[in-house]
């Protein structure tokens, strides 16, 4: 079963890194047409994540390390900014997305903090859960999402630079992949007022809800009690 999980993890990474981020995508889109490629890619993505989840559920528990209870509290707290990043990425326009646009005023809100808020939310979720699980199956399952998110950032940047050089020339100098880097080096500034109030409300409520519902949703508590 562990080999099946490894194969499913490699399939997931291969679909999202080996196809979406390479010249393979262009060749497939040329053969299938853009619409045909999107349909085929969506189906393949659904199949790969379904196999990955099923393999994860069936894999045996092989412990690699034990996380102290104090660290579980810290990781639970770190999930709050992860959820805020995700909600902000959904609630605000993203110029790095397909067909994304950049307003005349330049990057605003969460884009001042990072060009890739959604991918950083996935990376943070995966890294925290990988550490918390402390098992071989956890490394394979959450590691697949972590690798996909981290490799996806420079891949998206390259595609945006090729697709819309004018937008990229306006976006890249004043933003950064790494959260807060552009702000720390003086290429941008933090303007929390530009992040919609609903982001803070929904992100906070989602965090509390997941902490409370974690045992029922996923079979074990998020906090050590």
N, C-alpha and C. Protein backbone atom coordinates (compact mmCIF):
# COMPACT_ATOMS: atom_id res chain seq x y z
N UNK A 1 0.81 -1.20 0.00
CA UNK A 1 0.00 0.00 0.00
C UNK A 1 0.86 1.27 0.00
N UNK A 2 2.04 1.19 0.65
CA UNK A 2 2.90 2.36 0.66
C UNK A 2 3.45 2.66 -0.73
N UNK A 3 3.71 1.60 -1.49
CA UNK A 3 4.16 1.80 -2.87
C UNK A 3 3.06 2.42 -3.72
N UNK A 4 1.82 2.05 -3.45
CA UNK A 4 0.70 2.64 -4.17
C UNK A 4 0.59 4.13 -3.84
N UNK A 5 0.81 4.49 -2.57
CA UNK A 5 0.78 5.89 -2.18
C UNK A 5 1.91 6.66 -2.85
N UNK A 6 3.10 6.06 -2.92
CA UNK A 6 4.23 6.70 -3.60
C UNK A 6 3.90 6.93 -5.07
N UNK A 7 3.32 5.92 -5.72
CA UNK A 7 2.96 6.05 -7.13
C UNK A 7 1.91 7.15 -7.33
N UNK A 8 0.92 7.19 -6.44
CA UNK A 8 -0.12 8.21 -6.54
C UNK A 8 0.46 9.60 -6.32
N UNK A 9 1.40 9.73 -5.38
CA UNK A 9 2.04 11.02 -5.12
C UNK A 9 2.85 11.47 -6.33
N UNK A 10 3.58 10.54 -6.93
CA UNK A 10 4.36 10.87 -8.13
C UNK A 10 3.46 11.25 -9.30
N UNK A 11 2.31 10.57 -9.41
CA UNK A 11 1.36 10.91 -10.47
C UNK A 11 0.84 12.33 -10.27
N UNK A 12 0.46 12.68 -9.05
CA UNK A 12 -0.04 14.03 -8.76
C UNK A 12 1.01 15.09 -9.10
N UNK A 13 2.24 14.87 -8.64
CA UNK A 13 3.31 15.83 -8.92
C UNK A 13 3.59 15.88 -10.42
N UNK A 14 3.59 14.72 -11.06
CA UNK A 14 3.86 14.67 -12.49
C UNK A 14 2.83 15.41 -13.31
N UNK A 15 1.56 15.28 -12.93
CA UNK A 15 0.49 15.97 -13.66
C UNK A 15 0.65 17.48 -13.53
N UNK A 16 0.97 17.96 -12.32
CA UNK A 16 0.98 19.40 -12.08
C UNK A 16 2.32 20.06 -12.35
N UNK A 17 3.39 19.28 -12.28
CA UNK A 17 4.72 19.85 -12.55
C UNK A 17 5.22 19.40 -13.92
N UNK A 18 5.02 18.14 -14.23
CA UNK A 18 5.55 17.60 -15.48
C UNK A 18 4.75 17.98 -16.71
N UNK A 19 3.49 18.38 -16.51
CA UNK A 19 2.67 18.79 -17.65
C UNK A 19 2.42 20.30 -17.62
N UNK A 20 1.80 20.77 -16.54
CA UNK A 20 1.38 22.18 -16.49
C UNK A 20 2.56 23.13 -16.57
N UNK A 21 3.70 22.73 -16.06
CA UNK A 21 4.80 23.67 -16.00
C UNK A 21 5.88 23.46 -17.05
N UNK A 22 5.58 22.72 -18.11
CA UNK A 22 6.61 22.41 -19.11
C UNK A 22 6.06 22.62 -20.53
N UNK A 23 6.92 22.36 -21.49
CA UNK A 23 6.51 22.48 -22.90
C UNK A 23 5.53 21.39 -23.31
N UNK A 24 5.39 20.37 -22.46
CA UNK A 24 4.41 19.31 -22.75
C UNK A 24 3.01 19.91 -22.87
N UNK A 25 2.72 20.90 -22.04
CA UNK A 25 1.40 21.53 -22.09
C UNK A 25 1.14 22.14 -23.46
N UNK A 26 2.12 22.86 -23.98
CA UNK A 26 1.94 23.52 -25.28
C UNK A 26 1.70 22.50 -26.38
N UNK A 27 2.43 21.39 -26.34
CA UNK A 27 2.27 20.37 -27.38
C UNK A 27 0.90 19.71 -27.28
N UNK A 28 0.46 19.43 -26.06
CA UNK A 28 -0.85 18.81 -25.87
C UNK A 28 -1.96 19.77 -26.27
N UNK A 29 -1.81 21.05 -25.91
CA UNK A 29 -2.83 22.03 -26.27
C UNK A 29 -2.91 22.20 -27.78
N UNK A 30 -1.78 22.07 -28.45
CA UNK A 30 -1.78 22.17 -29.91
C UNK A 30 -2.49 20.99 -30.54
N UNK A 31 -2.31 19.81 -29.94
CA UNK A 31 -2.95 18.61 -30.49
C UNK A 31 -4.44 18.55 -30.16
N UNK A 32 -4.79 18.90 -28.91
CA UNK A 32 -6.18 18.75 -28.45
C UNK A 32 -7.00 20.03 -28.58
N UNK A 33 -6.31 21.15 -28.81
CA UNK A 33 -7.00 22.43 -28.73
C UNK A 33 -7.01 22.89 -27.28
N UNK A 34 -7.10 24.21 -27.07
CA UNK A 34 -7.04 24.72 -25.70
C UNK A 34 -8.19 24.19 -24.85
N UNK A 35 -9.39 24.19 -25.40
CA UNK A 35 -10.54 23.69 -24.64
C UNK A 35 -10.40 22.21 -24.35
N UNK A 36 -9.97 21.44 -25.36
CA UNK A 36 -9.78 20.00 -25.16
C UNK A 36 -8.73 19.71 -24.13
N UNK A 37 -7.65 20.48 -24.15
CA UNK A 37 -6.59 20.28 -23.15
C UNK A 37 -7.12 20.56 -21.76
N UNK A 38 -7.86 21.65 -21.59
CA UNK A 38 -8.37 21.99 -20.26
C UNK A 38 -9.28 20.90 -19.72
N UNK A 39 -10.12 20.34 -20.59
CA UNK A 39 -11.01 19.26 -20.15
C UNK A 39 -10.21 18.03 -19.76
N UNK A 40 -9.26 17.63 -20.62
CA UNK A 40 -8.45 16.45 -20.33
C UNK A 40 -7.62 16.65 -19.07
N UNK A 41 -7.06 17.84 -18.92
CA UNK A 41 -6.22 18.12 -17.74
C UNK A 41 -7.06 18.11 -16.47
N UNK A 42 -8.27 18.65 -16.53
CA UNK A 42 -9.14 18.65 -15.37
C UNK A 42 -9.51 17.23 -14.95
N UNK A 43 -9.82 16.39 -15.94
CA UNK A 43 -10.15 14.99 -15.64
C UNK A 43 -8.95 14.28 -15.02
N UNK A 44 -7.78 14.49 -15.60
CA UNK A 44 -6.57 13.86 -15.08
C UNK A 44 -6.26 14.34 -13.66
N UNK A 45 -6.50 15.61 -13.38
CA UNK A 45 -6.27 16.15 -12.05
C UNK A 45 -7.21 15.50 -11.03
N UNK A 46 -8.49 15.36 -11.41
CA UNK A 46 -9.46 14.75 -10.50
C UNK A 46 -9.10 13.29 -10.24
N UNK A 47 -8.71 12.58 -11.29
CA UNK A 47 -8.32 11.17 -11.13
C UNK A 47 -7.09 11.05 -10.23
N UNK A 48 -6.10 11.91 -10.44
CA UNK A 48 -4.87 11.80 -9.68
C UNK A 48 -5.08 12.12 -8.20
N UNK A 49 -5.89 13.14 -7.89
CA UNK A 49 -6.12 13.47 -6.48
C UNK A 49 -7.01 12.41 -5.82
N UNK A 50 -7.94 11.82 -6.58
CA UNK A 50 -8.77 10.75 -6.03
C UNK A 50 -7.91 9.54 -5.66
N UNK A 51 -7.01 9.17 -6.57
CA UNK A 51 -6.10 8.05 -6.28
C UNK A 51 -5.20 8.37 -5.10
N UNK A 52 -4.73 9.62 -5.02
CA UNK A 52 -3.84 10.00 -3.93
C UNK A 52 -4.55 9.91 -2.58
N UNK A 53 -5.77 10.40 -2.49
CA UNK A 53 -6.52 10.35 -1.24
C UNK A 53 -6.84 8.91 -0.86
N UNK A 54 -7.25 8.10 -1.83
CA UNK A 54 -7.57 6.70 -1.54
C UNK A 54 -6.33 5.94 -1.07
N UNK A 55 -5.19 6.20 -1.71
CA UNK A 55 -3.95 5.53 -1.31
C UNK A 55 -3.51 5.98 0.08
N UNK A 56 -3.72 7.26 0.38
CA UNK A 56 -3.38 7.81 1.70
C UNK A 56 -4.23 7.16 2.79
N UNK A 57 -5.51 6.97 2.52
CA UNK A 57 -6.40 6.37 3.51
C UNK A 57 -6.08 4.90 3.75
N UNK A 58 -5.56 4.22 2.72
CA UNK A 58 -5.28 2.79 2.83
C UNK A 58 -3.86 2.49 3.32
N UNK A 59 -2.99 3.51 3.35
CA UNK A 59 -1.59 3.28 3.69
C UNK A 59 -1.42 2.96 5.17
N UNK A 60 -0.49 2.09 5.52
CA UNK A 60 -0.22 1.78 6.93
C UNK A 60 0.47 2.94 7.62
N UNK A 61 0.34 2.99 8.93
CA UNK A 61 1.00 4.05 9.71
C UNK A 61 2.41 3.62 10.06
N UNK A 62 3.39 4.33 9.53
CA UNK A 62 4.80 4.06 9.82
C UNK A 62 5.36 5.33 10.46
N UNK A 63 5.53 5.36 11.79
CA UNK A 63 5.97 6.59 12.45
C UNK A 63 7.43 6.92 12.12
N UNK A 64 7.71 8.22 11.94
CA UNK A 64 9.06 8.70 11.69
C UNK A 64 9.55 9.60 12.83
N UNK A 65 8.66 10.38 13.42
CA UNK A 65 9.01 11.22 14.55
C UNK A 65 7.74 11.52 15.34
N UNK A 66 7.93 12.02 16.56
CA UNK A 66 6.80 12.40 17.40
C UNK A 66 6.85 13.90 17.63
N UNK A 67 5.72 14.54 17.44
CA UNK A 67 5.63 15.99 17.63
C UNK A 67 5.17 16.26 19.06
N UNK A 68 5.95 17.02 19.84
CA UNK A 68 5.52 17.35 21.22
C UNK A 68 4.20 18.12 21.21
N UNK A 69 3.45 17.98 22.29
CA UNK A 69 2.15 18.63 22.38
C UNK A 69 2.26 20.15 22.24
N UNK A 70 3.32 20.74 22.76
CA UNK A 70 3.49 22.19 22.67
C UNK A 70 3.58 22.64 21.22
N UNK A 71 4.24 21.85 20.39
CA UNK A 71 4.37 22.20 18.98
C UNK A 71 3.04 22.09 18.26
N UNK A 72 2.18 21.22 18.72
CA UNK A 72 0.86 21.09 18.09
C UNK A 72 0.05 22.37 18.29
N UNK A 73 0.21 23.02 19.43
CA UNK A 73 -0.45 24.30 19.66
C UNK A 73 0.10 25.36 18.70
N UNK A 74 1.43 25.36 18.55
CA UNK A 74 2.06 26.34 17.65
C UNK A 74 1.58 26.13 16.22
N UNK A 75 1.54 24.87 15.77
CA UNK A 75 1.12 24.59 14.40
C UNK A 75 -0.35 24.94 14.18
N UNK A 76 -1.18 24.74 15.21
CA UNK A 76 -2.58 25.13 15.10
C UNK A 76 -2.70 26.64 14.94
N UNK A 77 -1.88 27.41 15.65
CA UNK A 77 -1.89 28.87 15.51
C UNK A 77 -1.41 29.29 14.13
N UNK A 78 -0.42 28.58 13.60
CA UNK A 78 0.11 28.93 12.27
C UNK A 78 -0.90 28.66 11.16
N UNK A 79 -1.87 27.82 11.44
CA UNK A 79 -2.90 27.57 10.43
C UNK A 79 -3.80 28.78 10.23
N UNK A 80 -3.83 29.71 11.18
CA UNK A 80 -4.65 30.92 11.00
C UNK A 80 -4.15 31.76 9.84
N UNK A 81 -2.85 32.15 9.79
CA UNK A 81 -2.41 32.90 8.59
C UNK A 81 -2.52 32.10 7.30
N UNK A 82 -2.39 30.78 7.38
CA UNK A 82 -2.56 29.94 6.19
C UNK A 82 -3.98 30.10 5.63
N UNK A 83 -4.96 30.04 6.51
CA UNK A 83 -6.35 30.19 6.07
C UNK A 83 -6.64 31.61 5.60
N UNK A 84 -6.05 32.60 6.25
CA UNK A 84 -6.24 33.99 5.81
C UNK A 84 -5.66 34.19 4.41
N UNK A 85 -4.50 33.58 4.15
CA UNK A 85 -3.91 33.65 2.81
C UNK A 85 -4.84 33.05 1.77
N UNK A 86 -5.40 31.89 2.11
CA UNK A 86 -6.28 31.23 1.15
C UNK A 86 -7.53 32.07 0.87
N UNK A 87 -8.18 32.55 1.92
CA UNK A 87 -9.39 33.34 1.73
C UNK A 87 -9.07 34.62 0.95
N UNK A 88 -7.96 35.26 1.28
CA UNK A 88 -7.58 36.48 0.56
C UNK A 88 -7.31 36.20 -0.91
N UNK A 89 -6.72 35.05 -1.21
CA UNK A 89 -6.43 34.70 -2.60
C UNK A 89 -7.69 34.49 -3.41
N UNK A 90 -8.74 34.01 -2.75
CA UNK A 90 -10.02 33.78 -3.43
C UNK A 90 -10.82 35.08 -3.54
N UNK A 91 -10.71 35.92 -2.52
CA UNK A 91 -11.56 37.11 -2.43
C UNK A 91 -11.05 38.30 -3.23
N UNK A 92 -9.78 38.28 -3.65
CA UNK A 92 -9.22 39.42 -4.36
C UNK A 92 -8.67 39.00 -5.71
N UNK A 93 -8.68 39.89 -6.71
CA UNK A 93 -8.16 39.56 -8.03
C UNK A 93 -6.70 39.13 -7.97
N UNK A 94 -6.33 38.18 -8.80
CA UNK A 94 -4.97 37.66 -8.81
C UNK A 94 -4.38 37.78 -10.21
N UNK A 95 -3.44 38.70 -10.43
CA UNK A 95 -2.88 38.86 -11.78
C UNK A 95 -2.07 37.67 -12.26
N UNK A 96 -1.65 36.77 -11.34
CA UNK A 96 -0.89 35.60 -11.77
C UNK A 96 -1.79 34.47 -12.25
N UNK A 97 -3.11 34.59 -12.05
CA UNK A 97 -4.04 33.56 -12.51
C UNK A 97 -4.23 33.67 -14.02
N UNK A 98 -4.73 32.58 -14.61
CA UNK A 98 -5.04 32.59 -16.04
C UNK A 98 -6.08 33.68 -16.30
N UNK A 99 -5.81 34.51 -17.29
CA UNK A 99 -6.68 35.65 -17.63
C UNK A 99 -6.73 36.69 -16.51
N UNK A 100 -5.76 36.63 -15.58
CA UNK A 100 -5.72 37.61 -14.51
C UNK A 100 -5.33 38.99 -15.04
N UNK A 101 -5.76 40.02 -14.32
CA UNK A 101 -5.48 41.39 -14.75
C UNK A 101 -4.83 42.15 -13.61
N UNK A 102 -4.11 43.19 -13.98
CA UNK A 102 -3.47 44.07 -13.01
C UNK A 102 -3.99 45.47 -13.24
N UNK A 103 -4.61 46.05 -12.20
CA UNK A 103 -5.20 47.37 -12.33
C UNK A 103 -4.15 48.45 -12.54
N UNK A 104 -4.63 49.63 -12.92
CA UNK A 104 -3.73 50.76 -13.16
C UNK A 104 -2.94 51.12 -11.92
N UNK A 105 -3.52 50.88 -10.74
CA UNK A 105 -2.85 51.24 -9.49
C UNK A 105 -1.77 50.23 -9.09
N UNK A 106 -1.65 49.13 -9.84
CA UNK A 106 -0.64 48.13 -9.52
C UNK A 106 -1.15 47.12 -8.51
N UNK A 107 -0.28 46.25 -8.00
CA UNK A 107 -0.70 45.23 -7.03
C UNK A 107 -1.21 45.86 -5.74
N UNK A 108 -2.28 45.29 -5.22
CA UNK A 108 -2.88 45.81 -4.00
C UNK A 108 -3.20 44.66 -3.05
N UNK A 109 -3.43 45.00 -1.79
CA UNK A 109 -3.86 44.03 -0.80
C UNK A 109 -2.88 42.89 -0.61
N UNK A 110 -3.38 41.67 -0.74
CA UNK A 110 -2.55 40.49 -0.51
C UNK A 110 -1.43 40.37 -1.52
N UNK A 111 -1.61 40.96 -2.73
CA UNK A 111 -0.56 40.90 -3.75
C UNK A 111 0.67 41.69 -3.35
N UNK A 112 0.52 42.66 -2.45
CA UNK A 112 1.69 43.36 -1.93
C UNK A 112 2.56 42.42 -1.09
N UNK A 113 1.90 41.47 -0.45
CA UNK A 113 2.61 40.54 0.44
C UNK A 113 3.29 39.43 -0.35
N UNK A 114 2.57 38.86 -1.32
CA UNK A 114 3.14 37.80 -2.17
C UNK A 114 2.33 37.70 -3.46
N UNK A 115 3.02 37.35 -4.55
CA UNK A 115 2.31 37.13 -5.82
C UNK A 115 1.49 35.86 -5.81
N UNK A 116 1.78 34.96 -4.86
CA UNK A 116 1.17 33.63 -4.90
C UNK A 116 0.52 33.27 -3.55
N UNK A 117 -0.50 34.02 -3.14
CA UNK A 117 -1.11 33.73 -1.83
C UNK A 117 -1.76 32.35 -1.75
N UNK A 118 -2.41 31.91 -2.84
CA UNK A 118 -3.07 30.60 -2.78
C UNK A 118 -2.04 29.48 -2.69
N UNK A 119 -0.99 29.54 -3.49
CA UNK A 119 0.02 28.48 -3.44
C UNK A 119 0.74 28.47 -2.10
N UNK A 120 0.97 29.64 -1.51
CA UNK A 120 1.59 29.67 -0.19
C UNK A 120 0.64 29.10 0.87
N UNK A 121 -0.66 29.29 0.70
CA UNK A 121 -1.60 28.69 1.65
C UNK A 121 -1.55 27.17 1.55
N UNK A 122 -1.48 26.63 0.31
CA UNK A 122 -1.35 25.19 0.14
C UNK A 122 -0.03 24.68 0.71
N UNK A 123 1.06 25.42 0.45
CA UNK A 123 2.37 25.02 0.95
C UNK A 123 2.39 25.01 2.47
N UNK A 124 1.81 26.05 3.08
CA UNK A 124 1.77 26.11 4.54
C UNK A 124 0.94 24.99 5.14
N UNK A 125 -0.23 24.75 4.55
CA UNK A 125 -1.08 23.65 5.02
C UNK A 125 -0.35 22.32 4.92
N UNK A 126 0.28 22.07 3.78
CA UNK A 126 0.96 20.79 3.56
C UNK A 126 2.15 20.64 4.51
N UNK A 127 2.95 21.68 4.67
CA UNK A 127 4.13 21.59 5.53
C UNK A 127 3.74 21.36 7.00
N UNK A 128 2.75 22.09 7.47
CA UNK A 128 2.32 21.95 8.86
C UNK A 128 1.75 20.55 9.12
N UNK A 129 0.96 20.03 8.20
CA UNK A 129 0.38 18.71 8.40
C UNK A 129 1.41 17.60 8.23
N UNK A 130 2.37 17.81 7.34
CA UNK A 130 3.46 16.84 7.18
C UNK A 130 4.22 16.69 8.50
N UNK A 131 4.52 17.83 9.13
CA UNK A 131 5.24 17.81 10.41
C UNK A 131 4.37 17.19 11.49
N UNK A 132 3.09 17.59 11.53
CA UNK A 132 2.20 17.11 12.58
C UNK A 132 1.97 15.61 12.52
N UNK A 133 1.87 15.06 11.31
CA UNK A 133 1.61 13.62 11.20
C UNK A 133 2.82 12.80 11.62
N UNK A 134 4.01 13.22 11.22
CA UNK A 134 5.22 12.51 11.63
C UNK A 134 5.30 11.08 11.16
N UNK A 135 4.74 10.79 9.99
CA UNK A 135 4.71 9.41 9.48
C UNK A 135 5.18 9.37 8.04
N UNK A 136 5.52 8.19 7.57
CA UNK A 136 5.97 8.03 6.19
C UNK A 136 4.84 8.36 5.21
N UNK A 137 3.63 7.89 5.52
CA UNK A 137 2.51 8.19 4.63
C UNK A 137 2.23 9.70 4.61
N UNK A 138 2.42 10.36 5.75
CA UNK A 138 2.23 11.81 5.80
C UNK A 138 3.24 12.55 4.95
N UNK A 139 4.49 12.08 4.97
CA UNK A 139 5.52 12.70 4.14
C UNK A 139 5.17 12.57 2.66
N UNK A 140 4.70 11.39 2.25
CA UNK A 140 4.37 11.17 0.84
C UNK A 140 3.13 11.96 0.43
N UNK A 141 2.10 11.93 1.26
CA UNK A 141 0.83 12.58 0.91
C UNK A 141 0.98 14.10 0.92
N UNK A 142 1.35 14.65 2.07
CA UNK A 142 1.45 16.10 2.17
C UNK A 142 2.66 16.64 1.41
N UNK A 143 3.70 15.81 1.30
CA UNK A 143 4.87 16.23 0.52
C UNK A 143 4.54 16.44 -0.94
N UNK A 144 3.61 15.66 -1.48
CA UNK A 144 3.20 15.83 -2.88
C UNK A 144 2.59 17.21 -3.09
N UNK A 145 1.75 17.65 -2.16
CA UNK A 145 1.13 18.98 -2.28
C UNK A 145 2.17 20.08 -2.05
N UNK A 146 3.09 19.85 -1.12
CA UNK A 146 4.11 20.85 -0.83
C UNK A 146 5.01 21.08 -2.04
N UNK A 147 5.46 20.00 -2.66
CA UNK A 147 6.31 20.11 -3.84
C UNK A 147 5.57 20.81 -4.98
N UNK A 148 4.31 20.42 -5.19
CA UNK A 148 3.53 21.03 -6.27
C UNK A 148 3.38 22.53 -6.06
N UNK A 149 3.09 22.94 -4.82
CA UNK A 149 2.90 24.37 -4.55
C UNK A 149 4.19 25.15 -4.73
N UNK A 150 5.29 24.64 -4.20
CA UNK A 150 6.56 25.37 -4.26
C UNK A 150 7.10 25.45 -5.69
N UNK A 151 7.01 24.34 -6.43
CA UNK A 151 7.50 24.34 -7.81
C UNK A 151 6.56 25.15 -8.71
N UNK A 152 5.28 25.20 -8.33
CA UNK A 152 4.32 25.92 -9.15
C UNK A 152 4.55 27.42 -9.21
N UNK A 153 5.15 28.00 -8.17
CA UNK A 153 5.34 29.45 -8.14
C UNK A 153 6.26 29.95 -9.25
N UNK A 154 7.50 29.46 -9.35
CA UNK A 154 8.33 29.93 -10.47
C UNK A 154 7.78 29.54 -11.83
N UNK A 155 7.06 28.41 -11.89
CA UNK A 155 6.46 28.00 -13.16
C UNK A 155 5.41 29.01 -13.61
N UNK A 156 4.56 29.44 -12.68
CA UNK A 156 3.54 30.43 -13.00
C UNK A 156 4.18 31.76 -13.40
N UNK A 157 5.25 32.13 -12.70
CA UNK A 157 5.94 33.38 -13.04
C UNK A 157 6.49 33.33 -14.47
N UNK A 158 7.09 32.20 -14.83
CA UNK A 158 7.64 32.08 -16.19
C UNK A 158 6.54 32.18 -17.23
N UNK A 159 5.41 31.52 -16.97
CA UNK A 159 4.32 31.55 -17.94
C UNK A 159 3.72 32.95 -18.06
N UNK A 160 3.60 33.65 -16.93
CA UNK A 160 3.06 35.01 -16.98
C UNK A 160 4.00 35.94 -17.73
N UNK A 161 5.30 35.80 -17.49
CA UNK A 161 6.27 36.65 -18.19
C UNK A 161 6.23 36.43 -19.69
N UNK A 162 5.98 35.19 -20.11
CA UNK A 162 5.89 34.89 -21.54
C UNK A 162 4.54 35.31 -22.12
N UNK A 163 3.48 35.15 -21.35
CA UNK A 163 2.13 35.43 -21.85
C UNK A 163 1.83 36.93 -21.91
N UNK A 164 2.32 37.66 -20.89
CA UNK A 164 2.00 39.09 -20.81
C UNK A 164 3.22 39.84 -20.28
N UNK A 165 4.23 40.07 -21.14
CA UNK A 165 5.45 40.74 -20.68
C UNK A 165 5.20 42.12 -20.08
N UNK A 166 4.21 42.82 -20.61
CA UNK A 166 3.93 44.17 -20.09
C UNK A 166 3.44 44.11 -18.63
N UNK A 167 2.51 43.18 -18.35
CA UNK A 167 2.02 43.03 -16.99
C UNK A 167 3.15 42.59 -16.06
N UNK A 168 3.95 41.61 -16.55
CA UNK A 168 5.04 41.09 -15.73
C UNK A 168 6.04 42.20 -15.38
N UNK A 169 6.30 43.09 -16.33
CA UNK A 169 7.24 44.19 -16.09
C UNK A 169 6.72 45.14 -15.02
N UNK A 170 5.41 45.24 -14.87
CA UNK A 170 4.83 46.09 -13.84
C UNK A 170 4.72 45.36 -12.50
N UNK A 171 4.52 44.05 -12.56
CA UNK A 171 4.25 43.27 -11.35
C UNK A 171 5.53 42.84 -10.63
N UNK A 172 6.48 42.28 -11.38
CA UNK A 172 7.65 41.66 -10.76
C UNK A 172 8.49 42.60 -9.91
N UNK A 173 8.78 43.84 -10.34
CA UNK A 173 9.67 44.69 -9.54
C UNK A 173 9.11 45.09 -8.17
N UNK A 174 7.78 45.05 -8.01
CA UNK A 174 7.20 45.53 -6.76
C UNK A 174 6.52 44.42 -5.95
N UNK A 175 6.69 43.17 -6.36
CA UNK A 175 6.14 42.04 -5.61
C UNK A 175 7.21 40.97 -5.44
N UNK A 176 6.87 39.90 -4.73
CA UNK A 176 7.84 38.83 -4.50
C UNK A 176 7.12 37.51 -4.35
N UNK A 177 7.84 36.42 -4.68
CA UNK A 177 7.30 35.08 -4.39
C UNK A 177 7.23 34.88 -2.88
N UNK A 178 8.34 35.17 -2.19
CA UNK A 178 8.41 34.95 -0.75
C UNK A 178 7.57 36.00 -0.02
N UNK A 179 6.66 35.58 0.83
CA UNK A 179 5.80 36.56 1.52
C UNK A 179 6.61 37.61 2.27
N UNK A 180 6.22 38.85 2.10
CA UNK A 180 6.77 40.03 2.77
C UNK A 180 8.15 40.45 2.28
N UNK A 181 8.77 39.71 1.36
CA UNK A 181 10.12 40.07 0.94
C UNK A 181 10.14 41.43 0.25
N UNK A 182 9.23 41.68 -0.68
CA UNK A 182 9.20 42.96 -1.38
C UNK A 182 8.99 44.11 -0.40
N UNK A 183 8.19 43.87 0.64
CA UNK A 183 7.96 44.90 1.65
C UNK A 183 9.21 45.13 2.49
N UNK A 184 9.87 44.06 2.88
CA UNK A 184 11.05 44.18 3.74
C UNK A 184 12.21 44.89 3.04
N UNK A 185 12.35 44.70 1.74
CA UNK A 185 13.46 45.33 1.02
C UNK A 185 13.06 46.69 0.45
N UNK A 186 11.85 47.15 0.74
CA UNK A 186 11.45 48.49 0.35
C UNK A 186 10.88 48.63 -1.04
N UNK A 187 10.54 47.52 -1.70
CA UNK A 187 9.96 47.60 -3.05
C UNK A 187 8.44 47.74 -3.02
N UNK A 188 7.85 47.60 -1.83
CA UNK A 188 6.42 47.76 -1.66
C UNK A 188 6.16 48.10 -0.21
N UNK A 189 4.90 48.26 0.15
CA UNK A 189 4.54 48.57 1.53
C UNK A 189 3.29 47.79 1.91
N UNK A 190 3.13 47.56 3.19
CA UNK A 190 1.99 46.81 3.70
C UNK A 190 0.81 47.75 3.91
N UNK A 191 -0.30 47.44 3.26
CA UNK A 191 -1.52 48.25 3.41
C UNK A 191 -2.65 47.29 3.78
N UNK A 192 -2.82 47.05 5.07
CA UNK A 192 -3.82 46.09 5.52
C UNK A 192 -5.23 46.53 5.18
N UNK A 193 -5.43 47.85 5.05
CA UNK A 193 -6.78 48.34 4.73
C UNK A 193 -7.27 47.87 3.36
N UNK A 194 -6.34 47.49 2.49
CA UNK A 194 -6.73 47.03 1.16
C UNK A 194 -7.24 45.59 1.16
N UNK A 195 -7.00 44.87 2.25
CA UNK A 195 -7.51 43.50 2.36
C UNK A 195 -8.93 43.56 2.91
N UNK A 196 -9.92 43.06 2.16
CA UNK A 196 -11.32 43.19 2.59
C UNK A 196 -11.55 42.64 3.99
N UNK A 197 -12.44 43.32 4.73
CA UNK A 197 -12.72 42.91 6.10
C UNK A 197 -13.27 41.49 6.15
N UNK A 198 -14.02 41.10 5.11
CA UNK A 198 -14.58 39.75 5.09
C UNK A 198 -13.49 38.67 5.08
N UNK A 199 -12.31 38.99 4.55
CA UNK A 199 -11.20 38.02 4.55
C UNK A 199 -10.84 37.66 5.99
N UNK A 200 -10.73 38.69 6.85
CA UNK A 200 -10.38 38.43 8.24
C UNK A 200 -11.50 37.68 8.96
N UNK A 201 -12.74 38.05 8.67
CA UNK A 201 -13.87 37.41 9.35
C UNK A 201 -14.01 35.95 8.91
N UNK A 202 -14.03 35.72 7.59
CA UNK A 202 -14.21 34.35 7.10
C UNK A 202 -13.00 33.48 7.45
N UNK A 203 -11.79 34.04 7.31
CA UNK A 203 -10.60 33.27 7.67
C UNK A 203 -10.58 32.89 9.14
N UNK A 204 -10.94 33.83 10.01
CA UNK A 204 -10.97 33.53 11.44
C UNK A 204 -12.03 32.51 11.80
N UNK A 205 -13.22 32.66 11.22
CA UNK A 205 -14.29 31.71 11.50
C UNK A 205 -13.96 30.32 10.96
N UNK A 206 -13.33 30.26 9.78
CA UNK A 206 -12.93 28.97 9.22
C UNK A 206 -11.90 28.29 10.11
N UNK A 207 -10.97 29.08 10.65
CA UNK A 207 -9.94 28.53 11.54
C UNK A 207 -10.57 27.94 12.79
N UNK A 208 -11.47 28.70 13.43
CA UNK A 208 -12.13 28.20 14.63
C UNK A 208 -12.98 26.97 14.31
N UNK A 209 -13.71 27.04 13.19
CA UNK A 209 -14.55 25.91 12.81
C UNK A 209 -13.76 24.64 12.56
N UNK A 210 -12.61 24.77 11.90
CA UNK A 210 -11.79 23.59 11.62
C UNK A 210 -11.17 23.03 12.89
N UNK A 211 -10.78 23.90 13.82
CA UNK A 211 -10.24 23.40 15.09
C UNK A 211 -11.29 22.59 15.84
N UNK A 212 -12.51 23.08 15.85
CA UNK A 212 -13.59 22.40 16.58
C UNK A 212 -14.01 21.12 15.86
N UNK A 213 -14.12 21.20 14.53
CA UNK A 213 -14.67 20.07 13.77
C UNK A 213 -13.62 19.06 13.33
N UNK A 214 -12.36 19.34 13.58
CA UNK A 214 -11.28 18.46 13.08
C UNK A 214 -11.48 16.99 13.46
N UNK A 215 -11.84 16.67 14.70
CA UNK A 215 -12.02 15.24 15.05
C UNK A 215 -13.10 14.56 14.23
N UNK A 216 -14.18 15.28 13.91
CA UNK A 216 -15.28 14.67 13.15
C UNK A 216 -14.98 14.64 11.65
N UNK A 217 -14.27 15.65 11.16
CA UNK A 217 -13.97 15.69 9.74
C UNK A 217 -12.84 14.75 9.35
N UNK A 218 -11.80 14.66 10.21
CA UNK A 218 -10.58 13.95 9.82
C UNK A 218 -10.19 12.82 10.77
N UNK A 219 -10.96 12.62 11.83
CA UNK A 219 -10.74 11.46 12.68
C UNK A 219 -9.78 11.65 13.84
N UNK A 220 -9.21 12.84 13.99
CA UNK A 220 -8.32 13.08 15.13
C UNK A 220 -8.31 14.58 15.44
N UNK A 221 -8.07 14.93 16.70
CA UNK A 221 -8.13 16.34 17.09
C UNK A 221 -6.93 17.13 16.59
N UNK A 222 -7.14 18.41 16.29
CA UNK A 222 -6.04 19.27 15.88
C UNK A 222 -5.18 19.66 17.06
N UNK A 223 -5.80 19.74 18.26
CA UNK A 223 -5.09 20.14 19.46
C UNK A 223 -4.97 18.97 20.44
N UNK A 224 -3.92 18.97 21.27
CA UNK A 224 -3.66 17.80 22.14
C UNK A 224 -4.51 17.78 23.39
N UNK A 225 -5.82 17.64 23.21
CA UNK A 225 -6.69 17.42 24.38
C UNK A 225 -7.95 16.71 23.94
